[in-house]
Amino acid sequence: MSWRIVLSVIALAFLGWVGFEIGRAGSDVQYARSAGPDTLINGSVQGKRIDRRAWSLDYDKLTMSPDGTLVTIAHVRDGRIHRAGKPDILMRGDGVTVNTATNDLTVAGPVTFIEDEGGARKRTFQSTGALYNGSSHVLNLDHPSTVTDSGATVTVAKMTINFRTGDSSFGRIEGVKP
């Protein structure tokens, strides 16, 4: 009989241990934290189309959303909108948001675009906000903008420029020529 009692105690202890381990199972699993935004300091970022590069931006501070689709840049030192067979459009601006899925750039702060065709032809566009559509190569300036071309200065209520075709459309115009 004592053998049975010893085996019963061992079996009961084993079953108790198995029950304890089953109850404790899964409690040591660590849950993944949700990812926060990533921040990069002093660098360069570029967007690409299927055919070639669309734009590149040298920045002071970049913050990327956790899913990587939105990039917020505090200050762009040297930005370039690339055009096939033509010189790049230079850009400097503050408050730039990049949608990496659509290749669009949105500027909420002051922005300057410089179109330098070489030689004497140089146009400058200044505004307080802009939207560049990367797939259609269209720049929309929905705020009052100043255009300087060959010494003439024109202020427009809004404007749209297609960098692929060269077409432009302007809102109300006020101009001064020295």
N, C-alpha and C. Protein backbone atom coordinates (compact mmCIF):
# COMPACT_ATOMS: atom_id res chain seq x y z
N MET A 1 0.79 -1.18 0.00
CA MET A 1 0.00 0.00 0.00
C MET A 1 0.84 1.27 0.00
N SER A 2 1.89 1.30 0.60
CA SER A 2 2.68 2.50 0.66
C SER A 2 3.23 2.87 -0.72
N TRP A 3 3.45 1.85 -1.53
CA TRP A 3 3.88 2.09 -2.91
C TRP A 3 2.81 2.85 -3.67
N ARG A 4 1.60 2.48 -3.48
CA ARG A 4 0.48 3.17 -4.14
C ARG A 4 0.36 4.61 -3.65
N ILE A 5 0.56 4.83 -2.42
CA ILE A 5 0.47 6.19 -1.87
C ILE A 5 1.59 7.05 -2.45
N VAL A 6 2.78 6.51 -2.53
CA VAL A 6 3.92 7.26 -3.07
C VAL A 6 3.68 7.58 -4.55
N LEU A 7 3.22 6.58 -5.32
CA LEU A 7 2.92 6.81 -6.74
C LEU A 7 1.78 7.80 -6.92
N SER A 8 0.78 7.74 -6.07
CA SER A 8 -0.35 8.68 -6.14
C SER A 8 0.11 10.12 -5.87
N VAL A 9 1.00 10.29 -4.90
CA VAL A 9 1.52 11.62 -4.57
C VAL A 9 2.36 12.15 -5.72
N ILE A 10 3.19 11.27 -6.31
CA ILE A 10 4.02 11.69 -7.45
C ILE A 10 3.13 12.05 -8.64
N ALA A 11 2.11 11.22 -8.93
CA ALA A 11 1.19 11.50 -10.05
C ALA A 11 0.43 12.80 -9.80
N LEU A 12 -0.02 13.01 -8.56
CA LEU A 12 -0.74 14.24 -8.23
C LEU A 12 0.17 15.46 -8.35
N ALA A 13 1.42 15.35 -7.93
CA ALA A 13 2.38 16.45 -8.05
C ALA A 13 2.67 16.75 -9.52
N PHE A 14 2.82 15.68 -10.33
CA PHE A 14 3.06 15.87 -11.77
C PHE A 14 1.86 16.56 -12.44
N LEU A 15 0.66 16.11 -12.16
CA LEU A 15 -0.55 16.73 -12.72
C LEU A 15 -0.69 18.18 -12.25
N GLY A 16 -0.34 18.46 -11.01
CA GLY A 16 -0.37 19.84 -10.49
C GLY A 16 0.63 20.72 -11.24
N TRP A 17 1.84 20.16 -11.46
CA TRP A 17 2.86 20.92 -12.20
C TRP A 17 2.42 21.19 -13.64
N VAL A 18 1.84 20.19 -14.33
CA VAL A 18 1.35 20.36 -15.69
C VAL A 18 0.23 21.39 -15.73
N GLY A 19 -0.68 21.36 -14.78
CA GLY A 19 -1.76 22.34 -14.71
C GLY A 19 -1.23 23.75 -14.48
N PHE A 20 -0.22 23.87 -13.62
CA PHE A 20 0.39 25.19 -13.37
C PHE A 20 1.05 25.73 -14.64
N GLU A 21 1.79 24.90 -15.35
CA GLU A 21 2.47 25.33 -16.57
C GLU A 21 1.48 25.69 -17.68
N ILE A 22 0.39 24.96 -17.79
CA ILE A 22 -0.64 25.30 -18.78
C ILE A 22 -1.27 26.64 -18.44
N GLY A 23 -1.53 26.88 -17.18
CA GLY A 23 -2.12 28.16 -16.76
C GLY A 23 -1.17 29.33 -16.97
N ARG A 24 0.13 29.08 -16.83
CA ARG A 24 1.12 30.15 -16.97
C ARG A 24 1.54 30.35 -18.42
N ALA A 25 1.22 29.44 -19.31
CA ALA A 25 1.65 29.50 -20.72
C ALA A 25 1.12 30.77 -21.38
N GLY A 26 1.98 31.45 -22.09
CA GLY A 26 1.60 32.67 -22.82
C GLY A 26 1.77 33.94 -22.02
N SER A 27 1.98 33.83 -20.72
CA SER A 27 2.12 35.06 -19.94
C SER A 27 3.49 35.70 -20.12
N ASP A 28 4.47 34.97 -20.62
CA ASP A 28 5.81 35.52 -20.81
C ASP A 28 6.02 36.10 -22.20
N VAL A 29 4.98 36.09 -23.05
CA VAL A 29 5.10 36.64 -24.40
C VAL A 29 5.04 38.16 -24.32
N GLN A 30 6.03 38.81 -24.93
CA GLN A 30 6.05 40.27 -24.94
C GLN A 30 5.34 40.76 -26.19
N TYR A 31 4.45 41.72 -25.99
CA TYR A 31 3.71 42.28 -27.10
C TYR A 31 4.54 43.38 -27.75
N ALA A 32 4.48 43.43 -29.08
CA ALA A 32 5.23 44.45 -29.81
C ALA A 32 4.63 45.82 -29.56
N ARG A 33 5.50 46.79 -29.32
CA ARG A 33 5.04 48.17 -29.16
C ARG A 33 4.70 48.72 -30.53
N SER A 34 3.77 49.66 -30.57
CA SER A 34 3.47 50.31 -31.84
C SER A 34 4.63 51.23 -32.18
N ALA A 35 5.03 51.20 -33.42
CA ALA A 35 6.18 51.99 -33.86
C ALA A 35 5.83 53.47 -33.87
N GLY A 36 6.75 54.29 -33.47
CA GLY A 36 6.57 55.73 -33.51
C GLY A 36 7.25 56.30 -34.74
N PRO A 37 7.16 57.60 -34.93
CA PRO A 37 7.81 58.20 -36.10
C PRO A 37 9.33 58.16 -35.98
N ASP A 38 9.99 58.04 -37.12
CA ASP A 38 11.45 58.06 -37.17
C ASP A 38 11.90 59.46 -37.53
N THR A 39 12.97 59.92 -36.93
CA THR A 39 13.51 61.25 -37.21
C THR A 39 14.96 61.12 -37.66
N LEU A 40 15.27 61.80 -38.76
CA LEU A 40 16.63 61.83 -39.29
C LEU A 40 17.10 63.28 -39.35
N ILE A 41 18.37 63.50 -39.11
CA ILE A 41 18.95 64.83 -39.10
C ILE A 41 19.98 64.93 -40.23
N ASN A 42 19.93 66.02 -41.00
CA ASN A 42 20.90 66.33 -42.05
C ASN A 42 21.12 65.17 -43.02
N GLY A 43 20.37 65.18 -44.09
CA GLY A 43 20.51 64.12 -45.07
C GLY A 43 19.87 64.50 -46.39
N SER A 44 19.62 63.50 -47.20
CA SER A 44 19.02 63.69 -48.51
C SER A 44 18.01 62.58 -48.75
N VAL A 45 16.89 62.93 -49.37
CA VAL A 45 15.86 61.97 -49.72
C VAL A 45 15.46 62.22 -51.16
N GLN A 46 15.08 61.16 -51.87
CA GLN A 46 14.67 61.35 -53.26
C GLN A 46 13.49 60.47 -53.59
N GLY A 47 12.70 60.95 -54.53
CA GLY A 47 11.56 60.20 -55.04
C GLY A 47 11.86 59.77 -56.46
N LYS A 48 11.30 58.62 -56.83
CA LYS A 48 11.59 58.09 -58.17
C LYS A 48 10.30 57.76 -58.88
N ARG A 49 10.30 58.02 -60.18
CA ARG A 49 9.24 57.56 -61.07
C ARG A 49 9.74 56.29 -61.74
N ILE A 50 8.90 55.67 -62.51
CA ILE A 50 9.31 54.46 -63.22
C ILE A 50 10.44 54.77 -64.19
N ASP A 51 10.36 55.92 -64.85
CA ASP A 51 11.35 56.25 -65.88
C ASP A 51 12.67 56.77 -65.30
N ARG A 52 12.65 57.50 -64.20
CA ARG A 52 13.87 58.07 -63.62
C ARG A 52 13.54 58.80 -62.32
N ARG A 53 14.51 59.53 -61.77
CA ARG A 53 14.28 60.27 -60.53
C ARG A 53 13.25 61.38 -60.76
N ALA A 54 12.42 61.63 -59.76
CA ALA A 54 11.41 62.67 -59.85
C ALA A 54 11.87 63.93 -59.14
N TRP A 55 12.42 63.78 -57.94
CA TRP A 55 12.86 64.92 -57.14
C TRP A 55 13.88 64.43 -56.12
N SER A 56 14.63 65.38 -55.58
CA SER A 56 15.54 65.08 -54.47
C SER A 56 15.56 66.29 -53.55
N LEU A 57 15.66 66.05 -52.25
CA LEU A 57 15.61 67.11 -51.25
C LEU A 57 16.72 66.89 -50.23
N ASP A 58 17.55 67.91 -50.00
CA ASP A 58 18.53 67.90 -48.92
C ASP A 58 17.88 68.62 -47.74
N TYR A 59 17.87 67.99 -46.57
CA TYR A 59 17.09 68.51 -45.45
C TYR A 59 17.94 68.69 -44.21
N ASP A 60 17.39 69.47 -43.27
CA ASP A 60 17.99 69.62 -41.95
C ASP A 60 17.40 68.58 -40.99
N LYS A 61 16.06 68.39 -41.05
CA LYS A 61 15.40 67.43 -40.16
C LYS A 61 14.23 66.80 -40.89
N LEU A 62 14.16 65.47 -40.84
CA LEU A 62 13.11 64.71 -41.52
C LEU A 62 12.43 63.82 -40.51
N THR A 63 11.09 63.79 -40.54
CA THR A 63 10.31 62.90 -39.69
C THR A 63 9.44 62.04 -40.59
N MET A 64 9.57 60.70 -40.44
CA MET A 64 8.82 59.77 -41.29
C MET A 64 7.74 59.09 -40.46
N SER A 65 6.54 58.98 -41.04
CA SER A 65 5.43 58.31 -40.36
C SER A 65 5.77 56.83 -40.17
N PRO A 66 5.14 56.16 -39.20
CA PRO A 66 5.46 54.75 -38.95
C PRO A 66 5.28 53.84 -40.17
N ASP A 67 4.31 54.14 -41.04
CA ASP A 67 4.13 53.29 -42.22
C ASP A 67 4.99 53.72 -43.40
N GLY A 68 5.70 54.83 -43.29
CA GLY A 68 6.63 55.27 -44.32
C GLY A 68 6.01 55.99 -45.50
N THR A 69 4.73 56.29 -45.47
CA THR A 69 4.09 56.94 -46.61
C THR A 69 4.16 58.46 -46.55
N LEU A 70 4.26 59.03 -45.36
CA LEU A 70 4.36 60.49 -45.24
C LEU A 70 5.68 60.87 -44.60
N VAL A 71 6.35 61.83 -45.23
CA VAL A 71 7.62 62.35 -44.72
C VAL A 71 7.44 63.85 -44.52
N THR A 72 7.75 64.34 -43.33
CA THR A 72 7.65 65.76 -43.03
C THR A 72 9.05 66.32 -42.86
N ILE A 73 9.34 67.39 -43.60
CA ILE A 73 10.66 68.00 -43.58
C ILE A 73 10.52 69.44 -43.09
N ALA A 74 11.26 69.79 -42.06
CA ALA A 74 11.18 71.13 -41.49
C ALA A 74 11.79 72.18 -42.42
N HIS A 75 12.93 71.88 -43.01
CA HIS A 75 13.62 72.86 -43.85
C HIS A 75 14.37 72.14 -44.97
N VAL A 76 14.09 72.52 -46.21
CA VAL A 76 14.79 71.97 -47.37
C VAL A 76 15.85 72.97 -47.79
N ARG A 77 17.12 72.58 -47.70
CA ARG A 77 18.23 73.45 -48.09
C ARG A 77 18.38 73.50 -49.60
N ASP A 78 18.40 72.33 -50.21
CA ASP A 78 18.63 72.22 -51.65
C ASP A 78 17.70 71.15 -52.19
N GLY A 79 16.64 71.58 -52.85
CA GLY A 79 15.70 70.65 -53.47
C GLY A 79 15.80 70.74 -54.98
N ARG A 80 15.53 69.64 -55.64
CA ARG A 80 15.58 69.62 -57.10
C ARG A 80 14.40 68.82 -57.63
N ILE A 81 13.70 69.43 -58.59
CA ILE A 81 12.67 68.72 -59.33
C ILE A 81 13.29 68.39 -60.67
N HIS A 82 13.43 67.12 -60.95
CA HIS A 82 14.15 66.67 -62.14
C HIS A 82 13.23 66.66 -63.36
N ARG A 83 13.77 67.13 -64.49
CA ARG A 83 13.03 67.16 -65.75
C ARG A 83 13.88 66.47 -66.81
N ALA A 84 13.24 65.69 -67.64
CA ALA A 84 13.96 64.96 -68.69
C ALA A 84 14.47 65.93 -69.75
N GLY A 85 15.77 65.90 -70.01
CA GLY A 85 16.36 66.70 -71.07
C GLY A 85 16.45 68.19 -70.79
N LYS A 86 16.12 68.62 -69.57
CA LYS A 86 16.18 70.03 -69.20
C LYS A 86 16.87 70.15 -67.85
N PRO A 87 17.36 71.36 -67.52
CA PRO A 87 17.95 71.54 -66.20
C PRO A 87 16.91 71.37 -65.09
N ASP A 88 17.38 70.97 -63.91
CA ASP A 88 16.49 70.79 -62.77
C ASP A 88 15.89 72.11 -62.31
N ILE A 89 14.72 72.04 -61.70
CA ILE A 89 14.11 73.18 -61.01
C ILE A 89 14.65 73.13 -59.59
N LEU A 90 15.28 74.22 -59.15
CA LEU A 90 15.82 74.27 -57.79
C LEU A 90 14.73 74.73 -56.83
N MET A 91 14.76 74.21 -55.60
CA MET A 91 13.73 74.53 -54.62
C MET A 91 14.34 74.69 -53.23
N ARG A 92 13.85 75.69 -52.51
CA ARG A 92 14.17 75.88 -51.10
C ARG A 92 12.84 76.16 -50.41
N GLY A 93 12.60 75.51 -49.27
CA GLY A 93 11.32 75.73 -48.61
C GLY A 93 11.28 75.20 -47.20
N ASP A 94 10.24 75.61 -46.49
CA ASP A 94 9.99 75.18 -45.13
C ASP A 94 8.64 74.48 -45.08
N GLY A 95 8.51 73.52 -44.19
CA GLY A 95 7.25 72.83 -44.00
C GLY A 95 6.86 71.96 -45.18
N VAL A 96 7.77 71.12 -45.65
CA VAL A 96 7.51 70.27 -46.81
C VAL A 96 7.00 68.91 -46.32
N THR A 97 5.90 68.45 -46.93
CA THR A 97 5.38 67.11 -46.67
C THR A 97 5.44 66.31 -47.96
N VAL A 98 6.01 65.13 -47.89
CA VAL A 98 6.17 64.27 -49.06
C VAL A 98 5.28 63.04 -48.89
N ASN A 99 4.47 62.76 -49.90
CA ASN A 99 3.69 61.53 -49.93
C ASN A 99 4.48 60.56 -50.80
N THR A 100 5.11 59.58 -50.18
CA THR A 100 5.97 58.66 -50.93
C THR A 100 5.18 57.70 -51.81
N ALA A 101 3.91 57.50 -51.53
CA ALA A 101 3.09 56.61 -52.36
C ALA A 101 2.73 57.26 -53.69
N THR A 102 2.45 58.58 -53.67
CA THR A 102 2.05 59.27 -54.90
C THR A 102 3.15 60.14 -55.49
N ASN A 103 4.27 60.31 -54.76
CA ASN A 103 5.40 61.13 -55.22
C ASN A 103 5.05 62.62 -55.25
N ASP A 104 4.11 63.06 -54.42
CA ASP A 104 3.69 64.46 -54.38
C ASP A 104 4.42 65.20 -53.26
N LEU A 105 4.69 66.48 -53.50
CA LEU A 105 5.31 67.36 -52.50
C LEU A 105 4.31 68.45 -52.15
N THR A 106 4.09 68.70 -50.87
CA THR A 106 3.24 69.79 -50.41
C THR A 106 4.09 70.70 -49.53
N VAL A 107 4.08 71.99 -49.81
CA VAL A 107 4.86 72.95 -49.04
C VAL A 107 3.88 73.88 -48.33
N ALA A 108 3.98 73.97 -47.00
CA ALA A 108 3.07 74.81 -46.23
C ALA A 108 3.69 76.16 -45.87
N GLY A 109 4.99 76.30 -45.95
CA GLY A 109 5.65 77.53 -45.58
C GLY A 109 6.21 78.25 -46.78
N PRO A 110 7.09 79.21 -46.55
CA PRO A 110 7.69 79.93 -47.67
C PRO A 110 8.48 78.99 -48.57
N VAL A 111 8.36 79.21 -49.88
CA VAL A 111 9.03 78.35 -50.84
C VAL A 111 9.51 79.17 -52.02
N THR A 112 10.66 78.79 -52.57
CA THR A 112 11.22 79.44 -53.75
C THR A 112 11.60 78.36 -54.76
N PHE A 113 11.14 78.54 -56.00
CA PHE A 113 11.51 77.67 -57.11
C PHE A 113 12.31 78.50 -58.09
N ILE A 114 13.42 77.95 -58.58
CA ILE A 114 14.26 78.66 -59.54
C ILE A 114 14.40 77.79 -60.78
N GLU A 115 13.96 78.34 -61.92
CA GLU A 115 14.08 77.65 -63.20
C GLU A 115 15.17 78.36 -63.99
N ASP A 116 16.33 77.74 -64.07
CA ASP A 116 17.48 78.33 -64.74
C ASP A 116 17.73 77.57 -66.03
N GLU A 117 17.35 78.16 -67.15
CA GLU A 117 17.53 77.53 -68.46
C GLU A 117 18.94 77.74 -69.01
N GLY A 118 19.77 78.43 -68.27
CA GLY A 118 21.12 78.72 -68.73
C GLY A 118 21.14 80.03 -69.51
N GLY A 119 22.27 80.66 -69.56
CA GLY A 119 22.37 81.94 -70.26
C GLY A 119 21.66 83.03 -69.49
N ALA A 120 20.89 83.87 -70.20
CA ALA A 120 20.23 85.01 -69.58
C ALA A 120 18.85 84.65 -69.02
N ARG A 121 18.30 83.49 -69.33
CA ARG A 121 16.94 83.13 -68.92
C ARG A 121 16.94 82.45 -67.56
N LYS A 122 16.35 83.14 -66.58
CA LYS A 122 16.23 82.59 -65.24
C LYS A 122 14.93 83.09 -64.64
N ARG A 123 14.03 82.17 -64.28
CA ARG A 123 12.76 82.55 -63.66
C ARG A 123 12.76 82.09 -62.21
N THR A 124 12.19 82.93 -61.36
CA THR A 124 12.08 82.62 -59.94
C THR A 124 10.61 82.73 -59.54
N PHE A 125 10.12 81.72 -58.82
CA PHE A 125 8.75 81.70 -58.31
C PHE A 125 8.83 81.66 -56.79
N GLN A 126 8.18 82.63 -56.12
CA GLN A 126 8.17 82.66 -54.65
C GLN A 126 6.73 82.70 -54.18
N SER A 127 6.45 81.89 -53.13
CA SER A 127 5.11 81.82 -52.60
C SER A 127 5.16 81.35 -51.15
N THR A 128 3.98 81.25 -50.53
CA THR A 128 3.90 80.76 -49.15
C THR A 128 3.31 79.36 -49.09
N GLY A 129 3.19 78.71 -50.21
CA GLY A 129 2.70 77.35 -50.23
C GLY A 129 2.66 76.83 -51.65
N ALA A 130 2.81 75.51 -51.81
CA ALA A 130 2.82 74.92 -53.15
C ALA A 130 2.45 73.45 -53.06
N LEU A 131 2.02 72.92 -54.19
CA LEU A 131 1.75 71.49 -54.34
C LEU A 131 2.34 71.05 -55.66
N TYR A 132 3.28 70.09 -55.60
CA TYR A 132 3.87 69.54 -56.81
C TYR A 132 3.37 68.12 -56.97
N ASN A 133 2.68 67.84 -58.07
CA ASN A 133 2.18 66.51 -58.37
C ASN A 133 3.25 65.77 -59.15
N GLY A 134 3.86 64.77 -58.54
CA GLY A 134 4.99 64.06 -59.14
C GLY A 134 4.64 63.27 -60.38
N SER A 135 3.43 62.75 -60.47
CA SER A 135 3.08 61.93 -61.63
C SER A 135 2.76 62.76 -62.86
N SER A 136 2.16 63.94 -62.68
CA SER A 136 1.81 64.78 -63.83
C SER A 136 2.80 65.92 -64.06
N HIS A 137 3.77 66.11 -63.16
CA HIS A 137 4.80 67.15 -63.27
C HIS A 137 4.18 68.56 -63.20
N VAL A 138 3.11 68.71 -62.45
CA VAL A 138 2.41 70.00 -62.37
C VAL A 138 2.66 70.62 -61.00
N LEU A 139 3.04 71.91 -61.02
CA LEU A 139 3.25 72.69 -59.81
C LEU A 139 2.08 73.66 -59.66
N ASN A 140 1.37 73.58 -58.54
CA ASN A 140 0.26 74.49 -58.24
C ASN A 140 0.68 75.43 -57.12
N LEU A 141 0.59 76.71 -57.36
CA LEU A 141 0.83 77.73 -56.34
C LEU A 141 -0.51 78.41 -56.10
N ASP A 142 -1.24 78.00 -55.05
CA ASP A 142 -2.58 78.52 -54.78
C ASP A 142 -2.57 79.80 -53.94
N HIS A 143 -1.42 80.25 -53.53
CA HIS A 143 -1.28 81.47 -52.74
C HIS A 143 -0.73 82.58 -53.65
N PRO A 144 -0.86 83.84 -53.24
CA PRO A 144 -0.24 84.90 -54.03
C PRO A 144 1.25 84.61 -54.21
N SER A 145 1.70 84.72 -55.45
CA SER A 145 3.07 84.35 -55.80
C SER A 145 3.74 85.45 -56.59
N THR A 146 5.05 85.53 -56.44
CA THR A 146 5.85 86.50 -57.17
C THR A 146 6.71 85.77 -58.18
N VAL A 147 6.63 86.20 -59.45
CA VAL A 147 7.41 85.61 -60.52
C VAL A 147 8.39 86.66 -61.01
N THR A 148 9.67 86.33 -61.05
CA THR A 148 10.69 87.23 -61.57
C THR A 148 11.30 86.57 -62.80
N ASP A 149 11.30 87.32 -63.92
CA ASP A 149 11.82 86.78 -65.17
C ASP A 149 12.47 87.92 -65.94
N SER A 150 13.77 87.81 -66.20
CA SER A 150 14.51 88.81 -66.98
C SER A 150 14.33 90.22 -66.45
N GLY A 151 14.36 90.39 -65.15
CA GLY A 151 14.25 91.72 -64.55
C GLY A 151 12.83 92.18 -64.30
N ALA A 152 11.84 91.55 -64.87
CA ALA A 152 10.43 91.91 -64.67
C ALA A 152 9.87 91.11 -63.50
N THR A 153 9.05 91.77 -62.69
CA THR A 153 8.42 91.11 -61.56
C THR A 153 6.91 91.15 -61.74
N VAL A 154 6.29 89.99 -61.57
CA VAL A 154 4.85 89.87 -61.70
C VAL A 154 4.33 89.18 -60.45
N THR A 155 3.25 89.74 -59.88
CA THR A 155 2.59 89.10 -58.75
C THR A 155 1.26 88.54 -59.25
N VAL A 156 1.03 87.28 -58.97
CA VAL A 156 -0.19 86.60 -59.42
C VAL A 156 -0.94 86.06 -58.21
N ALA A 157 -2.26 85.99 -58.34
CA ALA A 157 -3.08 85.46 -57.25
C ALA A 157 -2.85 83.96 -57.08
N LYS A 158 -2.68 83.24 -58.19
CA LYS A 158 -2.37 81.82 -58.17
C LYS A 158 -1.81 81.44 -59.53
N MET A 159 -1.15 80.30 -59.61
CA MET A 159 -0.61 79.87 -60.89
C MET A 159 -0.42 78.36 -60.91
N THR A 160 -0.41 77.82 -62.11
CA THR A 160 -0.16 76.41 -62.34
C THR A 160 0.87 76.30 -63.46
N ILE A 161 1.90 75.49 -63.24
CA ILE A 161 2.95 75.29 -64.24
C ILE A 161 3.11 73.80 -64.48
N ASN A 162 3.08 73.40 -65.74
CA ASN A 162 3.33 72.02 -66.11
C ASN A 162 4.77 71.95 -66.60
N PHE A 163 5.64 71.32 -65.81
CA PHE A 163 7.05 71.26 -66.16
C PHE A 163 7.33 70.29 -67.30
N ARG A 164 6.42 69.40 -67.61
CA ARG A 164 6.61 68.48 -68.73
C ARG A 164 6.36 69.19 -70.05
N THR A 165 5.24 69.95 -70.14
CA THR A 165 4.88 70.61 -71.41
C THR A 165 5.31 72.06 -71.47
N GLY A 166 5.56 72.69 -70.31
CA GLY A 166 5.92 74.11 -70.28
C GLY A 166 4.73 75.04 -70.22
N ASP A 167 3.49 74.50 -70.20
CA ASP A 167 2.29 75.33 -70.13
C ASP A 167 2.14 75.95 -68.75
N SER A 168 1.63 77.18 -68.72
CA SER A 168 1.39 77.89 -67.47
C SER A 168 0.02 78.54 -67.52
N SER A 169 -0.61 78.64 -66.37
CA SER A 169 -1.86 79.41 -66.27
C SER A 169 -1.77 80.24 -65.00
N PHE A 170 -2.29 81.45 -65.08
CA PHE A 170 -2.16 82.41 -63.99
C PHE A 170 -3.53 82.91 -63.57
N GLY A 171 -3.63 83.30 -62.30
CA GLY A 171 -4.81 83.99 -61.81
C GLY A 171 -4.66 85.47 -62.11
N ARG A 172 -5.26 86.32 -61.29
CA ARG A 172 -5.16 87.78 -61.46
C ARG A 172 -3.70 88.20 -61.40
N ILE A 173 -3.28 89.10 -62.31
CA ILE A 173 -1.88 89.48 -62.47
C ILE A 173 -1.69 90.96 -62.16
N GLU A 174 -0.61 91.27 -61.43
CA GLU A 174 -0.14 92.63 -61.23
C GLU A 174 1.33 92.62 -61.57
N GLY A 175 1.77 93.51 -62.45
CA GLY A 175 3.15 93.46 -62.88
C GLY A 175 3.86 94.79 -62.79
N VAL A 176 5.18 94.71 -62.66
CA VAL A 176 6.05 95.88 -62.64
C VAL A 176 7.29 95.54 -63.45
N LYS A 177 7.64 96.43 -64.38
CA LYS A 177 8.87 96.23 -65.14
C LYS A 177 9.73 97.48 -64.94
N PRO A 178 10.99 97.29 -64.55
CA PRO A 178 11.86 98.45 -64.29
C PRO A 178 12.17 99.21 -65.56
